[in-house]
Amino acid sequence: MNQIAQAFKTEFAHWGLEIPPELLAARKAGFIQSEGWLIQFLFGKDARGEYMDYYASHRMTSDSHVRLY
């Protein structure tokens, strides 16, 4: 899960965004609404292992849907 958190933090480093640690530890879905972003995320597990899916939207960019393992 640390790799997932670090990949997310790196992607949004310019805006200082990261997954709240308590939600990450509990693998609890949530959202971040900050710096013009609305990022919805959830956690799951499949044959490849644990993952986090997020959908990010900002009025100045294209929306993106990403799965991090």
PDB file of N, CA and C in Angstrom:
ATOM      1  N   MET A   1       0.821  -1.192   0.000  1.00  0.00           N
ATOM      2  CA  MET A   1       0.000   0.000   0.000  1.00  0.00           C
ATOM      3  C   MET A   1       0.870   1.263   0.000  1.00  0.00           C
ATOM      4  N   ASN A   2       2.072   1.149   0.527  1.00  0.00           N
ATOM      5  CA  ASN A   2       2.972   2.309   0.522  1.00  0.00           C
ATOM      6  C   ASN A   2       3.333   2.742  -0.892  1.00  0.00           C
ATOM      7  N   GLN A   3       3.517   1.769  -1.791  1.00  0.00           N
ATOM      8  CA  GLN A   3       3.826   2.105  -3.185  1.00  0.00           C
ATOM      9  C   GLN A   3       2.658   2.834  -3.834  1.00  0.00           C
ATOM     10  N   ILE A   4       1.450   2.418  -3.519  1.00  0.00           N
ATOM     11  CA  ILE A   4       0.251   3.072  -4.054  1.00  0.00           C
ATOM     12  C   ILE A   4       0.194   4.507  -3.560  1.00  0.00           C
ATOM     13  N   ALA A   5       0.381   4.695  -2.261  1.00  0.00           N
ATOM     14  CA  ALA A   5       0.337   6.035  -1.676  1.00  0.00           C
ATOM     15  C   ALA A   5       1.416   6.927  -2.288  1.00  0.00           C
ATOM     16  N   GLN A   6       2.613   6.385  -2.481  1.00  0.00           N
ATOM     17  CA  GLN A   6       3.711   7.171  -3.039  1.00  0.00           C
ATOM     18  C   GLN A   6       3.451   7.537  -4.504  1.00  0.00           C
ATOM     19  N   ALA A   7       2.910   6.605  -5.285  1.00  0.00           N
ATOM     20  CA  ALA A   7       2.605   6.894  -6.690  1.00  0.00           C
ATOM     21  C   ALA A   7       1.559   7.999  -6.793  1.00  0.00           C
ATOM     22  N   PHE A   8       0.541   7.945  -5.948  1.00  0.00           N
ATOM     23  CA  PHE A   8      -0.492   8.984  -5.945  1.00  0.00           C
ATOM     24  C   PHE A   8       0.118  10.332  -5.546  1.00  0.00           C
ATOM     25  N   LYS A   9       0.900  10.326  -4.483  1.00  0.00           N
ATOM     26  CA  LYS A   9       1.527  11.557  -3.994  1.00  0.00           C
ATOM     27  C   LYS A   9       2.422  12.173  -5.072  1.00  0.00           C
ATOM     28  N   THR A  10       3.170  11.342  -5.777  1.00  0.00           N
ATOM     29  CA  THR A  10       4.035  11.827  -6.854  1.00  0.00           C
ATOM     30  C   THR A  10       3.218  12.460  -7.975  1.00  0.00           C
ATOM     31  N   GLU A  11       2.118  11.806  -8.344  1.00  0.00           N
ATOM     32  CA  GLU A  11       1.267  12.322  -9.428  1.00  0.00           C
ATOM     33  C   GLU A  11       0.695  13.698  -9.092  1.00  0.00           C
ATOM     34  N   PHE A  12       0.359  13.923  -7.829  1.00  0.00           N
ATOM     35  CA  PHE A  12      -0.287  15.173  -7.431  1.00  0.00           C
ATOM     36  C   PHE A  12       0.616  16.051  -6.559  1.00  0.00           C
ATOM     37  N   ALA A  13       1.933  15.860  -6.667  1.00  0.00           N
ATOM     38  CA  ALA A  13       2.898  16.602  -5.853  1.00  0.00           C
ATOM     39  C   ALA A  13       2.795  18.112  -6.068  1.00  0.00           C
ATOM     40  N   HIS A  14       2.554  18.528  -7.291  1.00  0.00           N
ATOM     41  CA  HIS A  14       2.457  19.962  -7.601  1.00  0.00           C
ATOM     42  C   HIS A  14       1.399  20.651  -6.744  1.00  0.00           C
ATOM     43  N   TRP A  15       0.343  19.918  -6.411  1.00  0.00           N
ATOM     44  CA  TRP A  15      -0.765  20.487  -5.636  1.00  0.00           C
ATOM     45  C   TRP A  15      -0.714  20.084  -4.162  1.00  0.00           C
ATOM     46  N   GLY A  16       0.259  19.267  -3.790  1.00  0.00           N
ATOM     47  CA  GLY A  16       0.396  18.847  -2.400  1.00  0.00           C
ATOM     48  C   GLY A  16      -0.706  17.920  -1.919  1.00  0.00           C
ATOM     49  N   LEU A  17      -1.254  17.119  -2.837  1.00  0.00           N
ATOM     50  CA  LEU A  17      -2.362  16.232  -2.478  1.00  0.00           C
ATOM     51  C   LEU A  17      -1.863  14.826  -2.186  1.00  0.00           C
ATOM     52  N   GLU A  18      -2.485  14.193  -1.205  1.00  0.00           N
ATOM     53  CA  GLU A  18      -2.205  12.798  -0.910  1.00  0.00           C
ATOM     54  C   GLU A  18      -3.435  12.160  -0.265  1.00  0.00           C
ATOM     55  N   ILE A  19      -3.477  10.845  -0.304  1.00  0.00           N
ATOM     56  CA  ILE A  19      -4.590  10.111   0.293  1.00  0.00           C
ATOM     57  C   ILE A  19      -4.508  10.273   1.810  1.00  0.00           C
ATOM     58  N   PRO A  20      -5.599  10.650   2.460  1.00  0.00           N
ATOM     59  CA  PRO A  20      -5.563  10.758   3.919  1.00  0.00           C
ATOM     60  C   PRO A  20      -5.104   9.437   4.548  1.00  0.00           C
ATOM     61  N   PRO A  21      -4.099   9.483   5.430  1.00  0.00           N
ATOM     62  CA  PRO A  21      -3.523   8.260   5.991  1.00  0.00           C
ATOM     63  C   PRO A  21      -4.533   7.327   6.664  1.00  0.00           C
ATOM     64  N   GLU A  22      -5.536   7.901   7.329  1.00  0.00           N
ATOM     65  CA  GLU A  22      -6.521   7.051   8.012  1.00  0.00           C
ATOM     66  C   GLU A  22      -7.388   6.277   7.014  1.00  0.00           C
ATOM     67  N   LEU A  23      -7.667   6.866   5.864  1.00  0.00           N
ATOM     68  CA  LEU A  23      -8.442   6.160   4.830  1.00  0.00           C
ATOM     69  C   LEU A  23      -7.573   5.114   4.147  1.00  0.00           C
ATOM     70  N   LEU A  24      -6.317   5.444   3.932  1.00  0.00           N
ATOM     71  CA  LEU A  24      -5.388   4.496   3.332  1.00  0.00           C
ATOM     72  C   LEU A  24      -5.225   3.266   4.234  1.00  0.00           C
ATOM     73  N   ALA A  25      -5.006   3.491   5.514  1.00  0.00           N
ATOM     74  CA  ALA A  25      -4.805   2.383   6.453  1.00  0.00           C
ATOM     75  C   ALA A  25      -6.036   1.485   6.543  1.00  0.00           C
ATOM     76  N   ALA A  26      -7.221   2.091   6.482  1.00  0.00           N
ATOM     77  CA  ALA A  26      -8.475   1.330   6.599  1.00  0.00           C
ATOM     78  C   ALA A  26      -8.964   0.813   5.254  1.00  0.00           C
ATOM     79  N   ARG A  27      -8.261   1.180   4.161  1.00  0.00           N
ATOM     80  CA  ARG A  27      -8.693   0.832   2.801  1.00  0.00           C
ATOM     81  C   ARG A  27     -10.131   1.302   2.571  1.00  0.00           C
ATOM     82  N   LYS A  28     -10.423   2.509   3.028  1.00  0.00           N
ATOM     83  CA  LYS A  28     -11.770   3.061   2.958  1.00  0.00           C
ATOM     84  C   LYS A  28     -11.880   4.053   1.801  1.00  0.00           C
ATOM     85  N   ALA A  29     -12.929   3.918   1.016  1.00  0.00           N
ATOM     86  CA  ALA A  29     -13.176   4.825  -0.111  1.00  0.00           C
ATOM     87  C   ALA A  29     -13.414   6.244   0.391  1.00  0.00           C
ATOM     88  N   GLY A  30     -13.128   7.199  -0.474  1.00  0.00           N
ATOM     89  CA  GLY A  30     -13.355   8.584  -0.104  1.00  0.00           C
ATOM     90  C   GLY A  30     -13.119   9.510  -1.279  1.00  0.00           C
ATOM     91  N   PHE A  31     -12.961  10.774  -0.968  1.00  0.00           N
ATOM     92  CA  PHE A  31     -12.692  11.753  -2.021  1.00  0.00           C
ATOM     93  C   PHE A  31     -11.850  12.889  -1.460  1.00  0.00           C
ATOM     94  N   ILE A  32     -11.191  13.572  -2.380  1.00  0.00           N
ATOM     95  CA  ILE A  32     -10.406  14.762  -2.069  1.00  0.00           C
ATOM     96  C   ILE A  32     -10.960  15.877  -2.943  1.00  0.00           C
ATOM     97  N   GLN A  33     -11.316  16.973  -2.325  1.00  0.00           N
ATOM     98  CA  GLN A  33     -11.762  18.141  -3.073  1.00  0.00           C
ATOM     99  C   GLN A  33     -10.888  19.304  -2.619  1.00  0.00           C
ATOM    100  N   SER A  34      -9.870  19.596  -3.437  1.00  0.00           N
ATOM    101  CA  SER A  34      -8.887  20.604  -3.072  1.00  0.00           C
ATOM    102  C   SER A  34      -8.137  21.069  -4.310  1.00  0.00           C
ATOM    103  N   GLU A  35      -7.657  22.307  -4.271  1.00  0.00           N
ATOM    104  CA  GLU A  35      -6.829  22.853  -5.350  1.00  0.00           C
ATOM    105  C   GLU A  35      -7.495  22.737  -6.720  1.00  0.00           C
ATOM    106  N   GLY A  36      -8.815  22.766  -6.759  1.00  0.00           N
ATOM    107  CA  GLY A  36      -9.547  22.658  -8.015  1.00  0.00           C
ATOM    108  C   GLY A  36      -9.821  21.228  -8.451  1.00  0.00           C
ATOM    109  N   TRP A  37      -9.310  20.269  -7.728  1.00  0.00           N
ATOM    110  CA  TRP A  37      -9.495  18.857  -8.046  1.00  0.00           C
ATOM    111  C   TRP A  37     -10.672  18.260  -7.292  1.00  0.00           C
ATOM    112  N   LEU A  38     -11.330  17.320  -7.934  1.00  0.00           N
ATOM    113  CA  LEU A  38     -12.234  16.391  -7.262  1.00  0.00           C
ATOM    114  C   LEU A  38     -11.702  15.011  -7.615  1.00  0.00           C
ATOM    115  N   ILE A  39     -11.207  14.309  -6.616  1.00  0.00           N
ATOM    116  CA  ILE A  39     -10.617  12.992  -6.812  1.00  0.00           C
ATOM    117  C   ILE A  39     -11.375  11.999  -5.942  1.00  0.00           C
ATOM    118  N   GLN A  40     -12.014  11.052  -6.584  1.00  0.00           N
ATOM    119  CA  GLN A  40     -12.742   9.998  -5.875  1.00  0.00           C
ATOM    120  C   GLN A  40     -11.891   8.740  -5.949  1.00  0.00           C
ATOM    121  N   PHE A  41     -11.802   8.010  -4.846  1.00  0.00           N
ATOM    122  CA  PHE A  41     -10.949   6.818  -4.836  1.00  0.00           C
ATOM    123  C   PHE A  41     -11.597   5.690  -4.037  1.00  0.00           C
ATOM    124  N   LEU A  42     -11.182   4.467  -4.377  1.00  0.00           N
ATOM    125  CA  LEU A  42     -11.615   3.273  -3.654  1.00  0.00           C
ATOM    126  C   LEU A  42     -10.532   2.227  -3.732  1.00  0.00           C
ATOM    127  N   PHE A  43     -10.624   1.265  -2.855  1.00  0.00           N
ATOM    128  CA  PHE A  43      -9.619   0.212  -2.759  1.00  0.00           C
ATOM    129  C   PHE A  43     -10.242  -1.133  -3.075  1.00  0.00           C
ATOM    130  N   GLY A  44      -9.427  -2.052  -3.549  1.00  0.00           N
ATOM    131  CA  GLY A  44      -9.910  -3.388  -3.865  1.00  0.00           C
ATOM    132  C   GLY A  44      -8.750  -4.353  -3.973  1.00  0.00           C
ATOM    133  N   LYS A  45      -9.092  -5.572  -4.352  1.00  0.00           N
ATOM    134  CA  LYS A  45      -8.088  -6.620  -4.507  1.00  0.00           C
ATOM    135  C   LYS A  45      -8.525  -7.509  -5.653  1.00  0.00           C
ATOM    136  N   ASP A  46      -7.582  -7.881  -6.493  1.00  0.00           N
ATOM    137  CA  ASP A  46      -7.867  -8.813  -7.575  1.00  0.00           C
ATOM    138  C   ASP A  46      -6.705  -9.798  -7.682  1.00  0.00           C
ATOM    139  N   ALA A  47      -6.626 -10.515  -8.792  1.00  0.00           N
ATOM    140  CA  ALA A  47      -5.585 -11.538  -8.963  1.00  0.00           C
ATOM    141  C   ALA A  47      -4.170 -10.957  -8.887  1.00  0.00           C
ATOM    142  N   ARG A  48      -4.015  -9.688  -9.217  1.00  0.00           N
ATOM    143  CA  ARG A  48      -2.687  -9.047  -9.171  1.00  0.00           C
ATOM    144  C   ARG A  48      -2.342  -8.511  -7.789  1.00  0.00           C
ATOM    145  N   GLY A  49      -3.310  -8.407  -6.902  1.00  0.00           N
ATOM    146  CA  GLY A  49      -3.063  -7.898  -5.554  1.00  0.00           C
ATOM    147  C   GLY A  49      -3.951  -6.713  -5.215  1.00  0.00           C
ATOM    148  N   GLU A  50      -3.565  -5.996  -4.178  1.00  0.00           N
ATOM    149  CA  GLU A  50      -4.338  -4.836  -3.747  1.00  0.00           C
ATOM    150  C   GLU A  50      -4.147  -3.682  -4.729  1.00  0.00           C
ATOM    151  N   TYR A  51      -5.202  -2.888  -4.876  1.00  0.00           N
ATOM    152  CA  TYR A  51      -5.115  -1.730  -5.758  1.00  0.00           C
ATOM    153  C   TYR A  51      -5.940  -0.579  -5.199  1.00  0.00           C
ATOM    154  N   MET A  52      -5.709   0.586  -5.778  1.00  0.00           N
ATOM    155  CA  MET A  52      -6.546   1.752  -5.535  1.00  0.00           C
ATOM    156  C   MET A  52      -6.934   2.308  -6.898  1.00  0.00           C
ATOM    157  N   ASP A  53      -8.221   2.475  -7.110  1.00  0.00           N
ATOM    158  CA  ASP A  53      -8.726   3.152  -8.297  1.00  0.00           C
ATOM    159  C   ASP A  53      -9.030   4.584  -7.917  1.00  0.00           C
ATOM    160  N   TYR A  54      -8.700   5.517  -8.809  1.00  0.00           N
ATOM    161  CA  TYR A  54      -9.162   6.887  -8.580  1.00  0.00           C
ATOM    162  C   TYR A  54      -9.630   7.508  -9.885  1.00  0.00           C
ATOM    163  N   TYR A  55     -10.596   8.392  -9.731  1.00  0.00           N
ATOM    164  CA  TYR A  55     -11.116   9.175 -10.842  1.00  0.00           C
ATOM    165  C   TYR A  55     -10.870  10.628 -10.475  1.00  0.00           C
ATOM    166  N   ALA A  56     -10.083  11.316 -11.283  1.00  0.00           N
ATOM    167  CA  ALA A  56      -9.700  12.689 -10.993  1.00  0.00           C
ATOM    168  C   ALA A  56     -10.237  13.634 -12.060  1.00  0.00           C
ATOM    169  N   SER A  57     -10.829  14.724 -11.607  1.00  0.00           N
ATOM    170  CA  SER A  57     -11.296  15.738 -12.553  1.00  0.00           C
ATOM    171  C   SER A  57     -10.906  17.136 -12.058  1.00  0.00           C
ATOM    172  N   HIS A  58     -10.583  17.959 -13.029  1.00  0.00           N
ATOM    173  CA  HIS A  58     -10.201  19.351 -12.788  1.00  0.00           C
ATOM    174  C   HIS A  58     -10.639  20.120 -14.025  1.00  0.00           C
ATOM    175  N   ARG A  59     -11.158  21.286 -13.842  1.00  0.00           N
ATOM    176  CA  ARG A  59     -11.707  22.033 -14.978  1.00  0.00           C
ATOM    177  C   ARG A  59     -10.650  22.422 -16.005  1.00  0.00           C
ATOM    178  N   MET A  60      -9.385  22.397 -15.604  1.00  0.00           N
ATOM    179  CA  MET A  60      -8.308  22.799 -16.509  1.00  0.00           C
ATOM    180  C   MET A  60      -7.633  21.618 -17.218  1.00  0.00           C
ATOM    181  N   THR A  61      -8.082  20.389 -16.943  1.00  0.00           N
ATOM    182  CA  THR A  61      -7.462  19.217 -17.539  1.00  0.00           C
ATOM    183  C   THR A  61      -8.531  18.228 -17.992  1.00  0.00           C
ATOM    184  N   SER A  62      -8.096  17.195 -18.649  1.00  0.00           N
ATOM    185  CA  SER A  62      -8.991  16.087 -18.980  1.00  0.00           C
ATOM    186  C   SER A  62      -9.149  15.213 -17.742  1.00  0.00           C
ATOM    187  N   ASP A  63     -10.300  14.583 -17.609  1.00  0.00           N
ATOM    188  CA  ASP A  63     -10.518  13.648 -16.512  1.00  0.00           C
ATOM    189  C   ASP A  63      -9.636  12.420 -16.711  1.00  0.00           C
ATOM    190  N   SER A  64      -9.316  11.745 -15.612  1.00  0.00           N
ATOM    191  CA  SER A  64      -8.543  10.516 -15.723  1.00  0.00           C
ATOM    192  C   SER A  64      -9.046   9.479 -14.735  1.00  0.00           C
ATOM    193  N   HIS A  65      -8.990   8.234 -15.161  1.00  0.00           N
ATOM    194  CA  HIS A  65      -9.334   7.083 -14.330  1.00  0.00           C
ATOM    195  C   HIS A  65      -8.101   6.202 -14.285  1.00  0.00           C
ATOM    196  N   VAL A  66      -7.587   5.959 -13.082  1.00  0.00           N
ATOM    197  CA  VAL A  66      -6.309   5.273 -12.925  1.00  0.00           C
ATOM    198  C   VAL A  66      -6.447   4.165 -11.886  1.00  0.00           C
ATOM    199  N   ARG A  67      -5.781   3.044 -12.132  1.00  0.00           N
ATOM    200  CA  ARG A  67      -5.678   1.972 -11.140  1.00  0.00           C
ATOM    201  C   ARG A  67      -4.203   1.817 -10.789  1.00  0.00           C
ATOM    202  N   LEU A  68      -3.905   1.930  -9.509  1.00  0.00           N
ATOM    203  CA  LEU A  68      -2.547   1.772  -9.005  1.00  0.00           C
ATOM    204  C   LEU A  68      -2.442   0.465  -8.220  1.00  0.00           C
ATOM    205  N   TYR A  69      -1.419  -0.323  -8.517  1.00  0.00           N
ATOM    206  CA  TYR A  69      -1.158  -1.558  -7.773  1.00  0.00           C
ATOM    207  C   TYR A  69       0.014  -1.349  -6.842  1.00  0.00           C
TER     208      TYR A  69
END
